[in-house]
C-alpha atoms as a PDB file:
ATOM      1  CA  MET A   1      -4.632  -3.057 -12.780  1.00  0.00           C
ATOM      2  CA  ARG A   2      -6.921  -1.416 -10.116  1.00  0.00           C
ATOM      3  CA  ILE A   3      -4.931  -0.736  -6.831  1.00  0.00           C
ATOM      4  CA  ALA A   4      -6.368   0.132  -3.204  1.00  0.00           C
ATOM      5  CA  VAL A   5      -4.168   1.957  -0.675  1.00  0.00           C
ATOM      6  CA  VAL A   6      -5.380   1.438   2.834  1.00  0.00           C
ATOM      7  CA  GLY A   7      -4.594   4.105   5.044  1.00  0.00           C
ATOM      8  CA  ALA A   8      -3.877   7.395   4.618  1.00  0.00           C
ATOM      9  CA  GLY A   9      -0.957   7.871   7.071  1.00  0.00           C
ATOM     10  CA  ALA A  10       2.571   8.794   5.993  1.00  0.00           C
ATOM     11  CA  ILE A  11       2.982   5.338   4.135  1.00  0.00           C
ATOM     12  CA  GLY A  12      -0.147   5.170   2.619  1.00  0.00           C
ATOM     13  CA  SER A  13      -0.251   8.445   1.393  1.00  0.00           C
ATOM     14  CA  ALA A  14       2.982   8.194   0.047  1.00  0.00           C
ATOM     15  CA  VAL A  15       2.583   5.015  -1.389  1.00  0.00           C
ATOM     16  CA  ALA A  16      -0.663   6.234  -3.389  1.00  0.00           C
ATOM     17  CA  ALA A  17       1.225   9.397  -4.474  1.00  0.00           C
ATOM     18  CA  ILE A  18       3.829   7.613  -5.969  1.00  0.00           C
ATOM     19  CA  LEU A  19       1.685   5.209  -7.846  1.00  0.00           C
ATOM     20  CA  ALA A  20      -0.692   7.907  -8.867  1.00  0.00           C
ATOM     21  CA  ALA A  21       2.577   9.940 -10.140  1.00  0.00           C
ATOM     22  CA  ALA A  22       3.564   6.657 -11.685  1.00  0.00           C
ATOM     23  CA  GLY A  23       0.540   7.349 -14.038  1.00  0.00           C
ATOM     24  CA  ARG A  24      -2.047   4.366 -11.977  1.00  0.00           C
ATOM     25  CA  GLU A  25      -4.610   6.148 -12.706  1.00  0.00           C
ATOM     26  CA  SER A  26      -6.610   3.436 -11.089  1.00  0.00           C
ATOM     27  CA  CYS A  27      -5.361   3.780  -7.823  1.00  0.00           C
ATOM     28  CA  TRP A  28      -7.612   4.887  -5.046  1.00  0.00           C
ATOM     29  CA  LEU A  29      -6.602   6.033  -1.243  1.00  0.00           C
ATOM     30  CA  ARG A  30      -9.205   4.465   1.170  1.00  0.00           C
ATOM     31  CA  GLY A  31      -8.867   6.691   4.233  1.00  0.00           C
ATOM     32  CA  LEU A  32      -9.942   9.964   5.809  1.00  0.00           C
ATOM     33  CA  ARG A  33      -7.413  12.298   3.651  1.00  0.00           C
ATOM     34  CA  ALA A  34      -8.974  14.492   0.684  1.00  0.00           C
ATOM     35  CA  ALA A  35      -7.179  14.524  -2.641  1.00  0.00           C
ATOM     36  CA  PRO A  36      -5.029  15.880  -3.922  1.00  0.00           C
ATOM     37  CA  GLN A  37      -1.867  14.744  -2.159  1.00  0.00           C
ATOM     38  CA  ILE A  38       1.389  17.206  -1.657  1.00  0.00           C
ATOM     39  CA  ILE A  39       4.741  15.120  -1.206  1.00  0.00           C
ATOM     40  CA  TYR A  40       7.709  16.844  -0.547  1.00  0.00           C
ATOM     41  CA  ASN A  41      10.539  15.084  -1.494  1.00  0.00           C
ATOM     42  CA  GLY A  42      14.224  16.261  -2.144  1.00  0.00           C
ATOM     43  CA  GLY A  43      12.988  20.117  -1.180  1.00  0.00           C
ATOM     44  CA  LYS A  44      10.366  20.147  -4.257  1.00  0.00           C
ATOM     45  CA  ALA A  45       6.727  19.821  -3.347  1.00  0.00           C
ATOM     46  CA  ILE A  46       4.756  17.446  -5.894  1.00  0.00           C
ATOM     47  CA  GLU A  47       1.070  17.936  -6.207  1.00  0.00           C
ATOM     48  CA  VAL A  48      -0.869  14.581  -6.817  1.00  0.00           C
ATOM     49  CA  PRO A  49      -4.590  13.801  -7.450  1.00  0.00           C
ATOM     50  CA  LEU A  50      -5.610  10.977  -5.601  1.00  0.00           C
ATOM     51  CA  ARG A  51      -9.057   9.401  -5.814  1.00  0.00           C
ATOM     52  CA  VAL A  52     -10.071   8.668  -2.357  1.00  0.00           C
ATOM     53  CA  ALA A  53     -12.587   6.706  -0.815  1.00  0.00           C
ATOM     54  CA  ALA A  54     -13.509   6.631   2.734  1.00  0.00           C
ATOM     55  CA  ALA A  55     -14.727   2.844   2.886  1.00  0.00           C
ATOM     56  CA  ASP A  56     -14.548  -0.396   1.018  1.00  0.00           C
ATOM     57  CA  ASP A  57     -18.068   0.249  -0.806  1.00  0.00           C
ATOM     58  CA  GLY A  58     -16.465   3.555  -2.491  1.00  0.00           C
ATOM     59  CA  LEU A  59     -14.276   1.143  -4.174  1.00  0.00           C
ATOM     60  CA  PRO A  60     -14.540  -1.064  -6.892  1.00  0.00           C
ATOM     61  CA  GLN A  61     -13.440  -4.574  -6.779  1.00  0.00           C
ATOM     62  CA  VAL A  62      -9.569  -3.988  -7.082  1.00  0.00           C
ATOM     63  CA  ASP A  63      -6.642  -6.516  -7.960  1.00  0.00           C
ATOM     64  CA  LEU A  64      -4.221  -5.475  -5.299  1.00  0.00           C
ATOM     65  CA  SER A  65      -4.620  -4.066  -1.752  1.00  0.00           C
ATOM     66  CA  ILE A  66      -1.862  -2.604  -0.053  1.00  0.00           C
ATOM     67  CA  CYS A  67      -2.458  -2.516   3.217  1.00  0.00           C
ATOM     68  CA  CYS A  68      -0.475   0.783   5.768  1.00  0.00           C
ATOM     69  CA  VAL A  69      -2.680   0.916   8.829  1.00  0.00           C
ATOM     70  CA  LYS A  70      -0.975   0.499  12.191  1.00  0.00           C
ATOM     71  CA  MET A  71      -0.868  -3.061  13.124  1.00  0.00           C
ATOM     72  CA  PRO A  72      -3.978  -2.979  15.537  1.00  0.00           C
ATOM     73  CA  ASP A  73      -5.794  -1.688  12.737  1.00  0.00           C
ATOM     74  CA  LEU A  74      -5.001  -4.145  10.503  1.00  0.00           C
ATOM     75  CA  GLU A  75      -8.262  -6.764  11.015  1.00  0.00           C
ATOM     76  CA  GLN A  76     -10.932  -4.125  10.567  1.00  0.00           C
ATOM     77  CA  ALA A  77      -8.829  -2.244   7.393  1.00  0.00           C
ATOM     78  CA  LEU A  78      -8.311  -6.083   5.479  1.00  0.00           C
ATOM     79  CA  PRO A  79     -10.525  -5.836   2.272  1.00  0.00           C
ATOM     80  CA  ALA A  80     -13.466  -8.204   3.028  1.00  0.00           C
ATOM     81  CA  GLY A  81     -14.459 -10.345   0.484  1.00  0.00           C
ATOM     82  CA  ARG A  82     -12.076  -9.082  -2.145  1.00  0.00           C
ATOM     83  CA  ALA A  83      -9.668 -11.503  -2.381  1.00  0.00           C
ATOM     84  CA  GLY A  84      -7.253 -10.628  -5.046  1.00  0.00           C
ATOM     85  CA  VAL A  85      -3.582  -9.942  -3.826  1.00  0.00           C
ATOM     86  CA  ILE A  86      -3.214  -8.307  -0.547  1.00  0.00           C
ATOM     87  CA  LEU A  87       0.139  -6.511   0.450  1.00  0.00           C
ATOM     88  CA  THR A  88       1.122  -5.655   4.056  1.00  0.00           C
ATOM     89  CA  LEU A  89       2.996  -2.756   4.974  1.00  0.00           C
ATOM     90  CA  GLN A  90       2.797  -2.627   8.761  1.00  0.00           C
ATOM     91  CA  ASN A  91       5.341  -2.812  11.361  1.00  0.00           C
ATOM     92  CA  GLY A  92       4.178  -5.833  12.736  1.00  0.00           C
ATOM     93  CA  VAL A  93       5.881  -8.860  11.536  1.00  0.00           C
ATOM     94  CA  GLU A  94       2.304 -10.985  12.206  1.00  0.00           C
ATOM     95  CA  ALA A  95       1.121  -8.634   9.863  1.00  0.00           C
ATOM     96  CA  HIS A  96       0.825 -11.287   6.988  1.00  0.00           C
ATOM     97  CA  GLU A  97      -0.338 -14.160   9.221  1.00  0.00           C
ATOM     98  CA  THR A  98      -3.366 -11.713  10.268  1.00  0.00           C
ATOM     99  CA  ALA A  99      -4.205 -10.840   6.783  1.00  0.00           C
ATOM    100  CA  ALA A 100      -4.100 -14.466   5.876  1.00  0.00           C
ATOM    101  CA  ARG A 101      -6.195 -15.793   8.870  1.00  0.00           C
ATOM    102  CA  GLN A 102      -8.559 -12.957   8.310  1.00  0.00           C
ATOM    103  CA  VAL A 103      -9.506 -13.055   4.176  1.00  0.00           C
ATOM    104  CA  PRO A 104      -7.967 -16.531   3.571  1.00  0.00           C
ATOM    105  CA  ASP A 105      -8.601 -16.751  -0.014  1.00  0.00           C
ATOM    106  CA  ALA A 106      -6.415 -13.930  -0.798  1.00  0.00           C
ATOM    107  CA  HIS A 107      -2.790 -14.092  -1.697  1.00  0.00           C
ATOM    108  CA  ILE A 108      -0.706 -12.412   0.685  1.00  0.00           C
ATOM    109  CA  ALA A 109       2.483 -10.532   0.011  1.00  0.00           C
ATOM    110  CA  ALA A 110       4.448  -9.141   3.224  1.00  0.00           C
ATOM    111  CA  GLY A 111       6.253  -5.777   2.489  1.00  0.00           C
ATOM    112  CA  ARG A 112       9.108  -3.846   4.090  1.00  0.00           C
ATOM    113  CA  VAL A 113       9.155  -0.184   3.413  1.00  0.00           C
ATOM    114  CA  HIS A 114      12.987   1.788   2.551  1.00  0.00           C
ATOM    115  CA  GLY A 115      12.738   5.374   3.360  1.00  0.00           C
ATOM    116  CA  PHE A 116      11.459   7.707   5.976  1.00  0.00           C
ATOM    117  CA  PHE A 117       7.828   9.512   5.550  1.00  0.00           C
ATOM    118  CA  GLU A 118       6.105  11.298   7.590  1.00  0.00           C
ATOM    119  CA  MET A 119       3.103  13.766   7.817  1.00  0.00           C
ATOM    120  CA  ASP A 120       3.527  17.418   7.313  1.00  0.00           C
ATOM    121  CA  GLY A 121       0.065  19.071   8.095  1.00  0.00           C
ATOM    122  CA  ASP A 122      -1.741  17.864   5.247  1.00  0.00           C
ATOM    123  CA  ALA A 123       1.401  16.789   3.378  1.00  0.00           C
ATOM    124  CA  VAL A 124       3.710  14.038   3.629  1.00  0.00           C
ATOM    125  CA  ARG A 125       7.714  14.759   3.725  1.00  0.00           C
ATOM    126  CA  HIS A 126      10.290  12.045   2.294  1.00  0.00           C
ATOM    127  CA  VAL A 127      13.555  12.153   3.699  1.00  0.00           C
ATOM    128  CA  GLY A 128      16.772  10.019   3.149  1.00  0.00           C
ATOM    129  CA  VAL A 129      17.037   7.241   0.968  1.00  0.00           C
ATOM    130  CA  PRO A 130      15.104   7.035  -2.058  1.00  0.00           C
ATOM    131  CA  PRO A 131      11.798   4.805  -1.495  1.00  0.00           C
ATOM    132  CA  SER A 132      11.424   1.319  -1.729  1.00  0.00           C
ATOM    133  CA  ILE A 133       9.496  -1.543  -1.194  1.00  0.00           C
ATOM    134  CA  LEU A 134      10.861  -4.992  -0.491  1.00  0.00           C
ATOM    135  CA  PHE A 135       7.891  -8.043  -0.569  1.00  0.00           C
ATOM    136  CA  GLY A 136       7.637 -11.626  -0.554  1.00  0.00           C
ATOM    137  CA  CYS A 137       4.940 -13.997  -1.141  1.00  0.00           C
ATOM    138  CA  ALA A 138       3.374 -15.066   1.945  1.00  0.00           C
ATOM    139  CA  ASN A 139       0.489 -17.073   1.367  1.00  0.00           C
ATOM    140  CA  GLY A 140      -1.459 -17.944  -2.022  1.00  0.00           C
ATOM    141  CA  ASP A 141       0.116 -18.584  -5.346  1.00  0.00           C
ATOM    142  CA  ARG A 142       3.431 -17.438  -5.456  1.00  0.00           C
ATOM    143  CA  THR A 143       3.277 -16.930  -8.756  1.00  0.00           C
ATOM    144  CA  LEU A 144       0.534 -14.541  -9.165  1.00  0.00           C
ATOM    145  CA  VAL A 145       1.773 -12.300  -6.143  1.00  0.00           C
ATOM    146  CA  GLU A 146       5.237 -11.593  -7.877  1.00  0.00           C
ATOM    147  CA  GLN A 147       3.169 -10.833 -11.329  1.00  0.00           C
ATOM    148  CA  VAL A 148       0.487  -8.595  -9.453  1.00  0.00           C
ATOM    149  CA  VAL A 149       3.299  -6.652  -6.864  1.00  0.00           C
ATOM    150  CA  GLY A 150       6.210  -7.620  -8.386  1.00  0.00           C
ATOM    151  CA  GLY A 151       5.934  -4.818 -11.471  1.00  0.00           C
ATOM    152  CA  ARG A 152       5.461  -1.775  -9.216  1.00  0.00           C
ATOM    153  CA  PHE A 153       7.992  -2.851  -6.387  1.00  0.00           C
ATOM    154  CA  ARG A 154      11.197  -5.187  -6.192  1.00  0.00           C
ATOM    155  CA  LYS A 155      10.917  -8.738  -4.834  1.00  0.00           C
ATOM    156  CA  HIS A 156      12.830  -9.753  -1.558  1.00  0.00           C
ATOM    157  CA  ASP A 157      14.988 -12.789  -2.323  1.00  0.00           C
ATOM    158  CA  PRO A 158      16.598 -13.932   0.998  1.00  0.00           C
ATOM    159  CA  SER A 159      19.529 -15.635  -0.834  1.00  0.00           C
ATOM    160  CA  GLY A 160      21.449 -12.273  -1.267  1.00  0.00           C
END
């Protein structure tokens, strides 16, 4: 499974570092951040080596693109011509709709991050509740989305 995390702010850096620390060697961070990434969690500094690409042309074809950019930057950040599965993790309830319009052949999951992350110089600091991501299929093949995203994050079940 090849994964690209698009956006090198606090959330994108944290997601990429957590995936890399969990053994996801095929995880790339797309953005202007140098590797390795340092995460401070519970007072401990964890250094995680990341593969970094400055643009789509530095990425291989990926199975999952996790978009962690600000909502106004989403259209430009979406992976052009890489229809696979896209997981949106922006603030903005319309992110999944924007992604579906921009990449109509993609399978889209809308996600929500729990936890608090902030940039601390070139590192990311995590405080508060243990980090987690809830998601639900917003467009495309629900079974495929749950298979690709669900192995990494928890599916949202609105029925409780």
